[in-house]
PDB file of N, CA and C in Angstrom:
ATOM      1  N   MET A   1      27.033 -12.283   1.486  1.00  0.00           N
ATOM      2  CA  MET A   1      27.139 -13.798   1.987  1.00  0.00           C
ATOM      3  C   MET A   1      28.382 -13.618   3.145  1.00  0.00           C
ATOM      4  N   ASN A   2      28.323 -14.440   3.988  1.00  0.00           N
ATOM      5  CA  ASN A   2      29.305 -14.707   5.082  1.00  0.00           C
ATOM      6  C   ASN A   2      30.474 -15.015   4.655  1.00  0.00           C
ATOM      7  N   PRO A   3      31.506 -14.489   4.849  1.00  0.00           N
ATOM      8  CA  PRO A   3      32.831 -14.495   4.133  1.00  0.00           C
ATOM      9  C   PRO A   3      33.473 -15.940   4.591  1.00  0.00           C
ATOM     10  N   LEU A   4      32.755 -16.725   5.421  1.00  0.00           N
ATOM     11  CA  LEU A   4      33.219 -18.075   6.343  1.00  0.00           C
ATOM     12  C   LEU A   4      32.602 -19.096   5.170  1.00  0.00           C
ATOM     13  N   GLU A   5      31.391 -18.836   4.562  1.00  0.00           N
ATOM     14  CA  GLU A   5      30.782 -19.637   3.776  1.00  0.00           C
ATOM     15  C   GLU A   5      31.763 -20.489   2.805  1.00  0.00           C
ATOM     16  N   LYS A   6      32.607 -19.950   2.228  1.00  0.00           N
ATOM     17  CA  LYS A   6      33.462 -20.623   1.168  1.00  0.00           C
ATOM     18  C   LYS A   6      34.305 -21.776   1.579  1.00  0.00           C
ATOM     19  N   GLU A   7      34.307 -21.703   2.973  1.00  0.00           N
ATOM     20  CA  GLU A   7      35.055 -22.875   3.774  1.00  0.00           C
ATOM     21  C   GLU A   7      34.136 -24.059   3.713  1.00  0.00           C
ATOM     22  N   PHE A   8      32.748 -24.173   3.589  1.00  0.00           N
ATOM     23  CA  PHE A   8      32.045 -25.258   3.610  1.00  0.00           C
ATOM     24  C   PHE A   8      31.706 -25.548   2.616  1.00  0.00           C
ATOM     25  N   VAL A   9      31.256 -26.781   2.519  1.00  0.00           N
ATOM     26  CA  VAL A   9      31.044 -27.591   1.196  1.00  0.00           C
ATOM     27  C   VAL A   9      29.457 -27.200   0.919  1.00  0.00           C
ATOM     28  N   PRO A  10      29.345 -27.082  -0.204  1.00  0.00           N
ATOM     29  CA  PRO A  10      28.093 -26.701  -0.735  1.00  0.00           C
ATOM     30  C   PRO A  10      26.745 -27.533  -0.346  1.00  0.00           C
ATOM     31  N   TYR A  11      25.687 -27.222  -0.158  1.00  0.00           N
ATOM     32  CA  TYR A  11      24.737 -28.113  -0.227  1.00  0.00           C
ATOM     33  C   TYR A  11      24.398 -29.379  -0.900  1.00  0.00           C
ATOM     34  N   THR A  12      24.800 -29.169  -2.281  1.00  0.00           N
ATOM     35  CA  THR A  12      24.479 -30.537  -3.079  1.00  0.00           C
ATOM     36  C   THR A  12      25.512 -31.561  -2.536  1.00  0.00           C
ATOM     37  N   GLU A  13      26.613 -31.155  -2.457  1.00  0.00           N
ATOM     38  CA  GLU A  13      27.862 -32.052  -2.189  1.00  0.00           C
ATOM     39  C   GLU A  13      27.783 -32.671  -0.614  1.00  0.00           C
ATOM     40  N   ALA A  14      27.031 -31.736   0.074  1.00  0.00           N
ATOM     41  CA  ALA A  14      27.145 -32.039   1.568  1.00  0.00           C
ATOM     42  C   ALA A  14      26.067 -33.314   1.699  1.00  0.00           C
ATOM     43  N   PHE A  15      24.936 -33.058   1.081  1.00  0.00           N
ATOM     44  CA  PHE A  15      23.697 -34.136   0.723  1.00  0.00           C
ATOM     45  C   PHE A  15      24.442 -35.405   0.299  1.00  0.00           C
ATOM     46  N   GLU A  16      25.394 -35.257  -0.725  1.00  0.00           N
ATOM     47  CA  GLU A  16      25.692 -36.495  -1.339  1.00  0.00           C
ATOM     48  C   GLU A  16      26.904 -37.119  -0.027  1.00  0.00           C
ATOM     49  N   LEU A  17      27.399 -36.269   0.630  1.00  0.00           N
ATOM     50  CA  LEU A  17      28.420 -36.726   1.725  1.00  0.00           C
ATOM     51  C   LEU A  17      27.749 -37.627   2.772  1.00  0.00           C
ATOM     52  N   LYS A  18      26.633 -36.905   3.069  1.00  0.00           N
ATOM     53  CA  LYS A  18      25.730 -37.495   4.211  1.00  0.00           C
ATOM     54  C   LYS A  18      25.386 -39.185   3.302  1.00  0.00           C
ATOM     55  N   SER A  19      24.915 -38.808   2.222  1.00  0.00           N
ATOM     56  CA  SER A  19      24.535 -40.337   1.764  1.00  0.00           C
ATOM     57  C   SER A  19      25.527 -41.326   1.806  1.00  0.00           C
ATOM     58  N   LEU A  20      26.910 -40.867   1.760  1.00  0.00           N
ATOM     59  CA  LEU A  20      27.905 -41.918   1.825  1.00  0.00           C
ATOM     60  C   LEU A  20      28.119 -42.151   3.260  1.00  0.00           C
ATOM     61  N   GLY A  21      27.573 -41.554   4.256  1.00  0.00           N
ATOM     62  CA  GLY A  21      28.028 -42.120   5.443  1.00  0.00           C
ATOM     63  C   GLY A  21      28.524 -40.770   6.288  1.00  0.00           C
ATOM     64  N   PHE A  22      28.755 -39.679   5.760  1.00  0.00           N
ATOM     65  CA  PHE A  22      29.438 -38.831   6.711  1.00  0.00           C
ATOM     66  C   PHE A  22      28.415 -38.174   7.929  1.00  0.00           C
ATOM     67  N   ASP A  23      28.593 -38.361   8.893  1.00  0.00           N
ATOM     68  CA  ASP A  23      27.927 -37.640  10.200  1.00  0.00           C
ATOM     69  C   ASP A  23      28.967 -37.375  11.366  1.00  0.00           C
ATOM     70  N   GLU A  24      29.773 -36.544  10.992  1.00  0.00           N
ATOM     71  CA  GLU A  24      30.729 -35.937  12.120  1.00  0.00           C
ATOM     72  C   GLU A  24      30.220 -34.241  12.614  1.00  0.00           C
ATOM     73  N   PRO A  25      30.638 -34.185  13.987  1.00  0.00           N
ATOM     74  CA  PRO A  25      30.407 -32.986  14.445  1.00  0.00           C
ATOM     75  C   PRO A  25      30.961 -31.845  13.343  1.00  0.00           C
ATOM     76  N   CYS A  26      30.120 -30.768  12.738  1.00  0.00           N
ATOM     77  CA  CYS A  26      30.767 -29.497  12.109  1.00  0.00           C
ATOM     78  C   CYS A  26      30.263 -28.350  12.704  1.00  0.00           C
ATOM     79  N   PHE A  27      30.863 -27.135  12.255  1.00  0.00           N
ATOM     80  CA  PHE A  27      30.739 -26.079  12.415  1.00  0.00           C
ATOM     81  C   PHE A  27      29.365 -25.383  11.869  1.00  0.00           C
ATOM     82  N   GLY A  28      28.859 -26.160  11.273  1.00  0.00           N
ATOM     83  CA  GLY A  28      27.366 -25.619  10.517  1.00  0.00           C
ATOM     84  C   GLY A  28      26.701 -26.722   9.862  1.00  0.00           C
ATOM     85  N   TRP A  29      25.540 -26.505   9.551  1.00  0.00           N
ATOM     86  CA  TRP A  29      24.715 -27.327   8.736  1.00  0.00           C
ATOM     87  C   TRP A  29      23.798 -26.777   7.980  1.00  0.00           C
ATOM     88  N   TRP A  30      23.332 -27.470   6.969  1.00  0.00           N
ATOM     89  CA  TRP A  30      22.171 -26.997   6.113  1.00  0.00           C
ATOM     90  C   TRP A  30      21.076 -27.280   6.461  1.00  0.00           C
ATOM     91  N   PHE A  31      20.105 -26.320   6.056  1.00  0.00           N
ATOM     92  CA  PHE A  31      18.572 -26.886   6.514  1.00  0.00           C
ATOM     93  C   PHE A  31      18.060 -27.287   5.033  1.00  0.00           C
ATOM     94  N   THR A  32      17.698 -28.542   4.956  1.00  0.00           N
ATOM     95  CA  THR A  32      17.216 -28.931   3.665  1.00  0.00           C
ATOM     96  C   THR A  32      16.127 -28.114   3.092  1.00  0.00           C
ATOM     97  N   ASP A  33      14.994 -28.009   3.813  1.00  0.00           N
ATOM     98  CA  ASP A  33      13.995 -26.906   3.168  1.00  0.00           C
ATOM     99  C   ASP A  33      14.139 -25.806   2.345  1.00  0.00           C
ATOM    100  N   GLU A  34      15.195 -25.117   2.946  1.00  0.00           N
ATOM    101  CA  GLU A  34      15.460 -23.915   2.395  1.00  0.00           C
ATOM    102  C   GLU A  34      17.039 -23.627   1.913  1.00  0.00           C
ATOM    103  N   GLU A  35      17.632 -25.092   1.930  1.00  0.00           N
ATOM    104  CA  GLU A  35      19.234 -24.753   1.415  1.00  0.00           C
ATOM    105  C   GLU A  35      19.780 -23.799   2.078  1.00  0.00           C
ATOM    106  N   MET A  36      19.730 -23.423   3.200  1.00  0.00           N
ATOM    107  CA  MET A  36      20.411 -22.173   4.151  1.00  0.00           C
ATOM    108  C   MET A  36      21.329 -22.995   4.894  1.00  0.00           C
ATOM    109  N   LEU A  37      22.593 -22.017   5.154  1.00  0.00           N
ATOM    110  CA  LEU A  37      23.600 -22.518   5.543  1.00  0.00           C
ATOM    111  C   LEU A  37      23.757 -21.726   7.063  1.00  0.00           C
ATOM    112  N   ILE A  38      23.723 -22.479   8.188  1.00  0.00           N
ATOM    113  CA  ILE A  38      23.869 -21.955   9.377  1.00  0.00           C
ATOM    114  C   ILE A  38      25.280 -22.230   9.871  1.00  0.00           C
ATOM    115  N   ILE A  39      26.292 -21.405  10.344  1.00  0.00           N
ATOM    116  CA  ILE A  39      27.451 -21.392  10.710  1.00  0.00           C
ATOM    117  C   ILE A  39      27.301 -21.035  12.267  1.00  0.00           C
ATOM    118  N   GLU A  40      27.689 -22.235  12.755  1.00  0.00           N
ATOM    119  CA  GLU A  40      27.956 -22.299  14.586  1.00  0.00           C
ATOM    120  C   GLU A  40      28.045 -23.805  14.841  1.00  0.00           C
ATOM    121  N   LYS A  41      28.805 -24.414  15.907  1.00  0.00           N
ATOM    122  CA  LYS A  41      29.211 -25.247  16.372  1.00  0.00           C
ATOM    123  C   LYS A  41      27.849 -26.335  16.499  1.00  0.00           C
ATOM    124  N   SER A  42      27.865 -27.350  15.634  1.00  0.00           N
ATOM    125  CA  SER A  42      26.654 -28.231  15.724  1.00  0.00           C
ATOM    126  C   SER A  42      27.216 -29.825  16.057  1.00  0.00           C
ATOM    127  N   LYS A  43      26.118 -30.632  16.426  1.00  0.00           N
ATOM    128  CA  LYS A  43      26.229 -31.869  16.850  1.00  0.00           C
ATOM    129  C   LYS A  43      26.132 -32.725  15.567  1.00  0.00           C
ATOM    130  N   LYS A  44      26.136 -34.013  15.752  1.00  0.00           N
ATOM    131  CA  LYS A  44      25.703 -34.915  14.939  1.00  0.00           C
ATOM    132  C   LYS A  44      24.423 -34.756  14.282  1.00  0.00           C
ATOM    133  N   SER A  45      24.538 -35.160  13.145  1.00  0.00           N
ATOM    134  CA  SER A  45      22.885 -34.940  12.367  1.00  0.00           C
ATOM    135  C   SER A  45      21.926 -35.677  13.104  1.00  0.00           C
ATOM    136  N   THR A  46      20.858 -35.235  13.472  1.00  0.00           N
ATOM    137  CA  THR A  46      19.687 -36.235  14.275  1.00  0.00           C
ATOM    138  C   THR A  46      18.429 -35.936  13.590  1.00  0.00           C
ATOM    139  N   SER A  47      18.363 -35.119  12.525  1.00  0.00           N
ATOM    140  CA  SER A  47      17.266 -35.037  11.924  1.00  0.00           C
ATOM    141  C   SER A  47      17.286 -34.877  10.217  1.00  0.00           C
ATOM    142  N   GLU A  48      16.342 -35.413   9.881  1.00  0.00           N
ATOM    143  CA  GLU A  48      16.242 -35.440   8.099  1.00  0.00           C
ATOM    144  C   GLU A  48      15.975 -34.264   7.369  1.00  0.00           C
ATOM    145  N   ASN A  49      15.784 -33.258   8.296  1.00  0.00           N
ATOM    146  CA  ASN A  49      15.888 -31.847   7.828  1.00  0.00           C
ATOM    147  C   ASN A  49      16.961 -30.910   7.783  1.00  0.00           C
ATOM    148  N   ILE A  50      18.152 -31.641   8.403  1.00  0.00           N
ATOM    149  CA  ILE A  50      19.175 -31.026   8.926  1.00  0.00           C
ATOM    150  C   ILE A  50      20.400 -31.991   8.082  1.00  0.00           C
ATOM    151  N   ILE A  51      21.447 -31.520   7.356  1.00  0.00           N
ATOM    152  CA  ILE A  51      22.719 -31.935   6.926  1.00  0.00           C
ATOM    153  C   ILE A  51      23.705 -31.221   7.385  1.00  0.00           C
ATOM    154  N   GLN A  52      24.745 -32.049   7.896  1.00  0.00           N
ATOM    155  CA  GLN A  52      26.035 -31.474   8.206  1.00  0.00           C
ATOM    156  C   GLN A  52      26.771 -30.549   7.300  1.00  0.00           C
ATOM    157  N   ALA A  53      27.080 -29.345   7.628  1.00  0.00           N
ATOM    158  CA  ALA A  53      27.830 -28.863   6.609  1.00  0.00           C
ATOM    159  C   ALA A  53      29.295 -28.833   7.124  1.00  0.00           C
ATOM    160  N   PRO A  54      30.119 -30.006   6.317  1.00  0.00           N
ATOM    161  CA  PRO A  54      31.784 -30.092   6.532  1.00  0.00           C
ATOM    162  C   PRO A  54      32.413 -28.845   6.215  1.00  0.00           C
ATOM    163  N   THR A  55      33.583 -28.622   6.649  1.00  0.00           N
ATOM    164  CA  THR A  55      34.354 -27.957   5.704  1.00  0.00           C
ATOM    165  C   THR A  55      35.191 -28.629   4.711  1.00  0.00           C
ATOM    166  N   PHE A  56      35.751 -28.307   3.848  1.00  0.00           N
ATOM    167  CA  PHE A  56      36.317 -28.941   2.768  1.00  0.00           C
ATOM    168  C   PHE A  56      37.485 -29.776   3.248  1.00  0.00           C
ATOM    169  N   SER A  57      38.024 -29.354   4.036  1.00  0.00           N
ATOM    170  CA  SER A  57      38.915 -29.983   5.068  1.00  0.00           C
ATOM    171  C   SER A  57      38.513 -31.001   5.546  1.00  0.00           C
ATOM    172  N   GLN A  58      37.389 -31.073   6.436  1.00  0.00           N
ATOM    173  CA  GLN A  58      36.522 -32.232   7.011  1.00  0.00           C
ATOM    174  C   GLN A  58      36.211 -33.552   5.565  1.00  0.00           C
ATOM    175  N   ALA A  59      35.872 -32.836   4.728  1.00  0.00           N
ATOM    176  CA  ALA A  59      35.229 -33.716   3.349  1.00  0.00           C
ATOM    177  C   ALA A  59      36.437 -34.534   2.896  1.00  0.00           C
ATOM    178  N   PHE A  60      37.629 -33.825   2.792  1.00  0.00           N
ATOM    179  CA  PHE A  60      38.739 -34.641   2.220  1.00  0.00           C
ATOM    180  C   PHE A  60      39.530 -35.342   3.164  1.00  0.00           C
ATOM    181  N   ASP A  61      39.237 -35.104   4.492  1.00  0.00           N
ATOM    182  CA  ASP A  61      39.753 -36.043   5.412  1.00  0.00           C
ATOM    183  C   ASP A  61      38.877 -37.416   5.378  1.00  0.00           C
ATOM    184  N   PHE A  62      37.587 -37.359   5.504  1.00  0.00           N
ATOM    185  CA  PHE A  62      36.604 -38.337   5.211  1.00  0.00           C
ATOM    186  C   PHE A  62      36.990 -39.384   4.386  1.00  0.00           C
ATOM    187  N   PHE A  63      37.408 -38.880   2.966  1.00  0.00           N
ATOM    188  CA  PHE A  63      37.676 -39.602   2.059  1.00  0.00           C
ATOM    189  C   PHE A  63      38.891 -40.225   2.204  1.00  0.00           C
ATOM    190  N   ARG A  64      40.037 -39.578   2.762  1.00  0.00           N
ATOM    191  CA  ARG A  64      41.377 -40.209   3.085  1.00  0.00           C
ATOM    192  C   ARG A  64      41.347 -41.365   4.326  1.00  0.00           C
ATOM    193  N   LYS A  65      40.621 -41.124   5.417  1.00  0.00           N
ATOM    194  CA  LYS A  65      40.516 -41.789   6.418  1.00  0.00           C
ATOM    195  C   LYS A  65      39.708 -43.182   6.370  1.00  0.00           C
ATOM    196  N   TYR A  66      38.531 -42.924   5.401  1.00  0.00           N
ATOM    197  CA  TYR A  66      37.401 -43.985   5.095  1.00  0.00           C
ATOM    198  C   TYR A  66      38.493 -45.292   4.957  1.00  0.00           C
ATOM    199  N   PRO A  67      38.485 -46.373   5.834  1.00  0.00           N
ATOM    200  CA  PRO A  67      39.330 -47.674   5.433  1.00  0.00           C
ATOM    201  C   PRO A  67      39.194 -48.195   3.775  1.00  0.00           C
ATOM    202  N   ASP A  68      37.928 -48.170   3.679  1.00  0.00           N
ATOM    203  CA  ASP A  68      37.739 -48.705   2.144  1.00  0.00           C
ATOM    204  C   ASP A  68      38.323 -47.904   1.185  1.00  0.00           C
ATOM    205  N   TRP A  69      38.015 -46.813   1.135  1.00  0.00           N
ATOM    206  CA  TRP A  69      38.542 -45.799   0.100  1.00  0.00           C
ATOM    207  C   TRP A  69      40.069 -45.446   0.042  1.00  0.00           C
ATOM    208  N   SER A  70      40.582 -44.712   1.102  1.00  0.00           N
ATOM    209  CA  SER A  70      42.063 -44.484   1.244  1.00  0.00           C
ATOM    210  C   SER A  70      42.195 -43.694   0.181  1.00  0.00           C
ATOM    211  N   ILE A  71      41.613 -42.334  -0.190  1.00  0.00           N
ATOM    212  CA  ILE A  71      41.867 -41.553  -1.346  1.00  0.00           C
ATOM    213  C   ILE A  71      42.527 -40.353  -0.892  1.00  0.00           C
ATOM    214  N   GLU A  72      44.001 -40.341  -1.161  1.00  0.00           N
ATOM    215  CA  GLU A  72      44.318 -39.039  -0.898  1.00  0.00           C
ATOM    216  C   GLU A  72      44.255 -38.219  -2.007  1.00  0.00           C
ATOM    217  N   SER A  73      44.459 -36.810  -1.631  1.00  0.00           N
ATOM    218  CA  SER A  73      43.846 -35.601  -2.428  1.00  0.00           C
ATOM    219  C   SER A  73      44.762 -34.527  -2.087  1.00  0.00           C
ATOM    220  N   TRP A  74      44.915 -33.584  -3.091  1.00  0.00           N
ATOM    221  CA  TRP A  74      45.620 -32.294  -2.945  1.00  0.00           C
ATOM    222  C   TRP A  74      45.458 -31.559  -4.021  1.00  0.00           C
ATOM    223  N   ILE A  75      45.932 -30.107  -3.839  1.00  0.00           N
ATOM    224  CA  ILE A  75      45.697 -29.045  -5.100  1.00  0.00           C
ATOM    225  C   ILE A  75      47.077 -28.530  -5.085  1.00  0.00           C
ATOM    226  N   GLN A  76      47.617 -28.078  -6.216  1.00  0.00           N
ATOM    227  CA  GLN A  76      48.892 -27.419  -6.488  1.00  0.00           C
ATOM    228  C   GLN A  76      48.510 -26.472  -7.456  1.00  0.00           C
ATOM    229  N   PRO A  77      49.678 -25.564  -7.587  1.00  0.00           N
ATOM    230  CA  PRO A  77      49.676 -24.463  -8.547  1.00  0.00           C
ATOM    231  C   PRO A  77      49.867 -25.277  -9.801  1.00  0.00           C
ATOM    232  N   HIS A  78      49.162 -24.834 -11.022  1.00  0.00           N
ATOM    233  CA  HIS A  78      49.603 -25.097 -12.220  1.00  0.00           C
ATOM    234  C   HIS A  78      50.574 -24.233 -12.698  1.00  0.00           C
ATOM    235  N   LEU A  79      51.724 -24.381 -12.796  1.00  0.00           N
ATOM    236  CA  LEU A  79      52.658 -23.229 -13.107  1.00  0.00           C
ATOM    237  C   LEU A  79      52.874 -23.012 -14.907  1.00  0.00           C
ATOM    238  N   SER A  80      52.627 -23.965 -15.388  1.00  0.00           N
ATOM    239  CA  SER A  80      52.726 -23.470 -17.022  1.00  0.00           C
ATOM    240  C   SER A  80      51.775 -22.712 -17.489  1.00  0.00           C
ATOM    241  N   GLU A  81      50.753 -22.016 -16.918  1.00  0.00           N
ATOM    242  CA  GLU A  81      50.024 -21.208 -17.276  1.00  0.00           C
ATOM    243  C   GLU A  81      49.619 -19.850 -16.552  1.00  0.00           C
ATOM    244  N   GLN A  82      49.745 -18.627 -17.240  1.00  0.00           N
ATOM    245  CA  GLN A  82      49.278 -17.405 -16.636  1.00  0.00           C
ATOM    246  C   GLN A  82      48.135 -16.944 -17.216  1.00  0.00           C
ATOM    247  N   PRO A  83      47.516 -16.395 -16.483  1.00  0.00           N
ATOM    248  CA  PRO A  83      47.539 -16.265 -14.920  1.00  0.00           C
ATOM    249  C   PRO A  83      47.504 -17.588 -14.190  1.00  0.00           C
ATOM    250  N   ARG A  84      47.867 -17.409 -12.691  1.00  0.00           N
ATOM    251  CA  ARG A  84      47.866 -18.616 -12.075  1.00  0.00           C
ATOM    252  C   ARG A  84      46.684 -19.350 -12.290  1.00  0.00           C
ATOM    253  N   GLN A  85      46.718 -20.865 -12.304  1.00  0.00           N
ATOM    254  CA  GLN A  85      45.657 -21.520 -12.231  1.00  0.00           C
ATOM    255  C   GLN A  85      46.093 -22.754 -11.204  1.00  0.00           C
ATOM    256  N   TYR A  86      45.140 -23.428 -10.938  1.00  0.00           N
ATOM    257  CA  TYR A  86      45.414 -24.616  -9.957  1.00  0.00           C
ATOM    258  C   TYR A  86      45.034 -26.118 -10.530  1.00  0.00           C
ATOM    259  N   GLU A  87      45.815 -27.033  -9.993  1.00  0.00           N
ATOM    260  CA  GLU A  87      45.374 -28.379 -10.604  1.00  0.00           C
ATOM    261  C   GLU A  87      44.975 -29.389  -9.519  1.00  0.00           C
ATOM    262  N   GLY A  88      43.967 -30.013  -9.520  1.00  0.00           N
ATOM    263  CA  GLY A  88      43.552 -31.077  -8.300  1.00  0.00           C
ATOM    264  C   GLY A  88      44.012 -32.355  -8.576  1.00  0.00           C
ATOM    265  N   PHE A  89      44.530 -33.180  -7.880  1.00  0.00           N
ATOM    266  CA  PHE A  89      44.933 -34.622  -8.020  1.00  0.00           C
ATOM    267  C   PHE A  89      44.397 -35.726  -6.983  1.00  0.00           C
ATOM    268  N   TYR A  90      43.862 -36.755  -7.343  1.00  0.00           N
ATOM    269  CA  TYR A  90      43.943 -37.758  -6.220  1.00  0.00           C
ATOM    270  C   TYR A  90      44.584 -39.031  -6.570  1.00  0.00           C
ATOM    271  N   TRP A  91      45.038 -39.953  -5.303  1.00  0.00           N
ATOM    272  CA  TRP A  91      45.841 -40.847  -5.635  1.00  0.00           C
ATOM    273  C   TRP A  91      45.248 -42.033  -4.791  1.00  0.00           C
ATOM    274  N   ARG A  92      44.956 -43.145  -5.721  1.00  0.00           N
ATOM    275  CA  ARG A  92      44.368 -44.030  -5.067  1.00  0.00           C
ATOM    276  C   ARG A  92      44.608 -45.388  -5.550  1.00  0.00           C
ATOM    277  N   ARG A  93      45.219 -46.414  -4.694  1.00  0.00           N
ATOM    278  CA  ARG A  93      45.449 -47.844  -5.166  1.00  0.00           C
ATOM    279  C   ARG A  93      46.715 -47.572  -6.183  1.00  0.00           C
ATOM    280  N   GLY A  94      47.827 -46.670  -5.919  1.00  0.00           N
ATOM    281  CA  GLY A  94      48.972 -46.576  -6.896  1.00  0.00           C
ATOM    282  C   GLY A  94      48.702 -45.878  -7.868  1.00  0.00           C
ATOM    283  N   GLU A  95      47.525 -44.873  -7.965  1.00  0.00           N
ATOM    284  CA  GLU A  95      47.364 -44.231  -9.346  1.00  0.00           C
ATOM    285  C   GLU A  95      47.082 -42.852  -9.017  1.00  0.00           C
ATOM    286  N   LYS A  96      48.029 -41.815  -9.517  1.00  0.00           N
ATOM    287  CA  LYS A  96      47.841 -40.661  -9.414  1.00  0.00           C
ATOM    288  C   LYS A  96      47.174 -39.639 -10.573  1.00  0.00           C
ATOM    289  N   VAL A  97      45.923 -39.223 -10.284  1.00  0.00           N
ATOM    290  CA  VAL A  97      45.131 -38.777 -11.506  1.00  0.00           C
ATOM    291  C   VAL A  97      44.693 -37.373 -11.372  1.00  0.00           C
ATOM    292  N   SER A  98      44.858 -36.676 -12.439  1.00  0.00           N
ATOM    293  CA  SER A  98      44.543 -35.169 -12.463  1.00  0.00           C
ATOM    294  C   SER A  98      43.121 -35.298 -12.542  1.00  0.00           C
ATOM    295  N   VAL A  99      42.269 -34.158 -11.952  1.00  0.00           N
ATOM    296  CA  VAL A  99      41.021 -33.964 -11.999  1.00  0.00           C
ATOM    297  C   VAL A  99      40.809 -32.636 -13.004  1.00  0.00           C
ATOM    298  N   GLY A 100      41.674 -32.137 -13.414  1.00  0.00           N
ATOM    299  CA  GLY A 100      41.561 -31.030 -14.414  1.00  0.00           C
ATOM    300  C   GLY A 100      42.383 -29.937 -13.872  1.00  0.00           C
ATOM    301  N   VAL A 101      42.313 -28.638 -14.469  1.00  0.00           N
ATOM    302  CA  VAL A 101      43.160 -27.594 -14.414  1.00  0.00           C
ATOM    303  C   VAL A 101      41.923 -26.510 -14.068  1.00  0.00           C
ATOM    304  N   PHE A 102      41.800 -25.513 -13.049  1.00  0.00           N
ATOM    305  CA  PHE A 102      40.814 -24.711 -12.902  1.00  0.00           C
ATOM    306  C   PHE A 102      41.416 -23.178 -12.648  1.00  0.00           C
ATOM    307  N   SER A 103      40.612 -22.273 -12.795  1.00  0.00           N
ATOM    308  CA  SER A 103      41.302 -20.854 -12.706  1.00  0.00           C
ATOM    309  C   SER A 103      41.133 -20.305 -11.171  1.00  0.00           C
ATOM    310  N   THR A 104      40.601 -21.113 -10.676  1.00  0.00           N
ATOM    311  CA  THR A 104      40.749 -20.623  -8.732  1.00  0.00           C
ATOM    312  C   THR A 104      40.837 -21.957  -7.979  1.00  0.00           C
ATOM    313  N   TYR A 105      41.344 -21.523  -6.864  1.00  0.00           N
ATOM    314  CA  TYR A 105      41.783 -22.735  -5.827  1.00  0.00           C
ATOM    315  C   TYR A 105      40.239 -23.315  -5.469  1.00  0.00           C
ATOM    316  N   GLU A 106      39.196 -22.522  -5.286  1.00  0.00           N
ATOM    317  CA  GLU A 106      38.108 -22.694  -5.048  1.00  0.00           C
ATOM    318  C   GLU A 106      37.196 -23.536  -6.042  1.00  0.00           C
ATOM    319  N   GLU A 107      37.370 -23.135  -6.627  1.00  0.00           N
ATOM    320  CA  GLU A 107      36.978 -24.381  -8.136  1.00  0.00           C
ATOM    321  C   GLU A 107      37.578 -25.573  -8.342  1.00  0.00           C
ATOM    322  N   THR A 108      38.626 -25.374  -8.202  1.00  0.00           N
ATOM    323  CA  THR A 108      39.416 -26.779  -8.296  1.00  0.00           C
ATOM    324  C   THR A 108      39.202 -27.541  -6.878  1.00  0.00           C
ATOM    325  N   GLU A 109      38.882 -27.026  -5.834  1.00  0.00           N
ATOM    326  CA  GLU A 109      38.888 -27.752  -4.676  1.00  0.00           C
ATOM    327  C   GLU A 109      37.189 -28.456  -4.902  1.00  0.00           C
ATOM    328  N   LEU A 110      36.070 -27.514  -5.300  1.00  0.00           N
ATOM    329  CA  LEU A 110      34.808 -28.046  -5.545  1.00  0.00           C
ATOM    330  C   LEU A 110      34.754 -29.308  -6.640  1.00  0.00           C
ATOM    331  N   ASN A 111      35.842 -29.100  -7.713  1.00  0.00           N
ATOM    332  CA  ASN A 111      35.668 -30.220  -8.836  1.00  0.00           C
ATOM    333  C   ASN A 111      36.172 -31.538  -8.247  1.00  0.00           C
ATOM    334  N   LEU A 112      37.436 -31.267  -7.438  1.00  0.00           N
ATOM    335  CA  LEU A 112      38.035 -32.405  -6.732  1.00  0.00           C
ATOM    336  C   LEU A 112      37.000 -32.983  -5.805  1.00  0.00           C
ATOM    337  N   LEU A 113      36.432 -32.512  -4.882  1.00  0.00           N
ATOM    338  CA  LEU A 113      35.349 -32.939  -3.969  1.00  0.00           C
ATOM    339  C   LEU A 113      34.435 -33.767  -4.952  1.00  0.00           C
ATOM    340  N   ARG A 114      33.855 -33.104  -6.065  1.00  0.00           N
ATOM    341  CA  ARG A 114      32.725 -33.911  -6.714  1.00  0.00           C
ATOM    342  C   ARG A 114      33.521 -35.121  -7.438  1.00  0.00           C
ATOM    343  N   LYS A 115      34.580 -35.014  -7.592  1.00  0.00           N
ATOM    344  CA  LYS A 115      35.433 -36.319  -8.611  1.00  0.00           C
ATOM    345  C   LYS A 115      35.430 -37.481  -7.425  1.00  0.00           C
ATOM    346  N   LEU A 116      35.993 -37.103  -6.304  1.00  0.00           N
ATOM    347  CA  LEU A 116      35.764 -38.141  -5.183  1.00  0.00           C
ATOM    348  C   LEU A 116      34.450 -38.710  -4.756  1.00  0.00           C
ATOM    349  N   ILE A 117      33.217 -37.815  -4.529  1.00  0.00           N
ATOM    350  CA  ILE A 117      32.235 -38.255  -4.468  1.00  0.00           C
ATOM    351  C   ILE A 117      31.731 -39.416  -5.581  1.00  0.00           C
ATOM    352  N   GLU A 118      32.005 -38.763  -6.633  1.00  0.00           N
ATOM    353  CA  GLU A 118      31.542 -39.918  -7.903  1.00  0.00           C
ATOM    354  C   GLU A 118      32.358 -41.217  -7.756  1.00  0.00           C
ATOM    355  N   ILE A 119      33.880 -41.145  -7.525  1.00  0.00           N
ATOM    356  CA  ILE A 119      34.370 -42.530  -7.443  1.00  0.00           C
ATOM    357  C   ILE A 119      33.902 -43.395  -6.604  1.00  0.00           C
ATOM    358  N   VAL A 120      33.359 -42.791  -5.298  1.00  0.00           N
ATOM    359  CA  VAL A 120      32.884 -43.635  -4.373  1.00  0.00           C
ATOM    360  C   VAL A 120      31.485 -44.016  -4.490  1.00  0.00           C
ATOM    361  N   LYS A 121      30.685 -43.326  -5.271  1.00  0.00           N
ATOM    362  CA  LYS A 121      29.178 -43.657  -5.336  1.00  0.00           C
ATOM    363  C   LYS A 121      29.374 -44.748  -6.652  1.00  0.00           C
ATOM    364  N   THR A 122      30.191 -44.529  -7.503  1.00  0.00           N
ATOM    365  CA  THR A 122      30.206 -46.013  -8.623  1.00  0.00           C
ATOM    366  C   THR A 122      30.730 -47.014  -8.023  1.00  0.00           C
ATOM    367  N   LYS A 123      31.626 -47.090  -6.917  1.00  0.00           N
ATOM    368  CA  LYS A 123      32.185 -48.368  -6.402  1.00  0.00           C
ATOM    369  C   LYS A 123      31.298 -48.830  -5.454  1.00  0.00           C
ATOM    370  N   GLN A 124      30.290 -48.459  -5.119  1.00  0.00           N
ATOM    371  CA  GLN A 124      29.301 -49.060  -4.104  1.00  0.00           C
ATOM    372  C   GLN A 124      28.284 -49.869  -4.968  1.00  0.00           C
TER     373      GLN A 124
END
């Protein structure tokens, strides 16, 4: 596994982002036939067999910048537990919500992204 792969949104979530309208230039893409990640600078998606592979940062920016959603999100250490754990939060329409406490930053990041996708899908 390429050590950079952890920076990119997994295939399933990238597919969900595409269905929500994500189509920004990325540093990688997923081939849908094989669910294979290719890391190199890419252009916007022009094929149904290619799904942009955004970084987690791009995905969270997508939710923050989209005018109808304006969902802020962040991850912080959960200091009351040992060993170190992380908690994901989002802020939307004056409400701060925790999506849970997880054992790794990466697990927190993925669960937070899944929650944001779920919120937007249920509101459409």
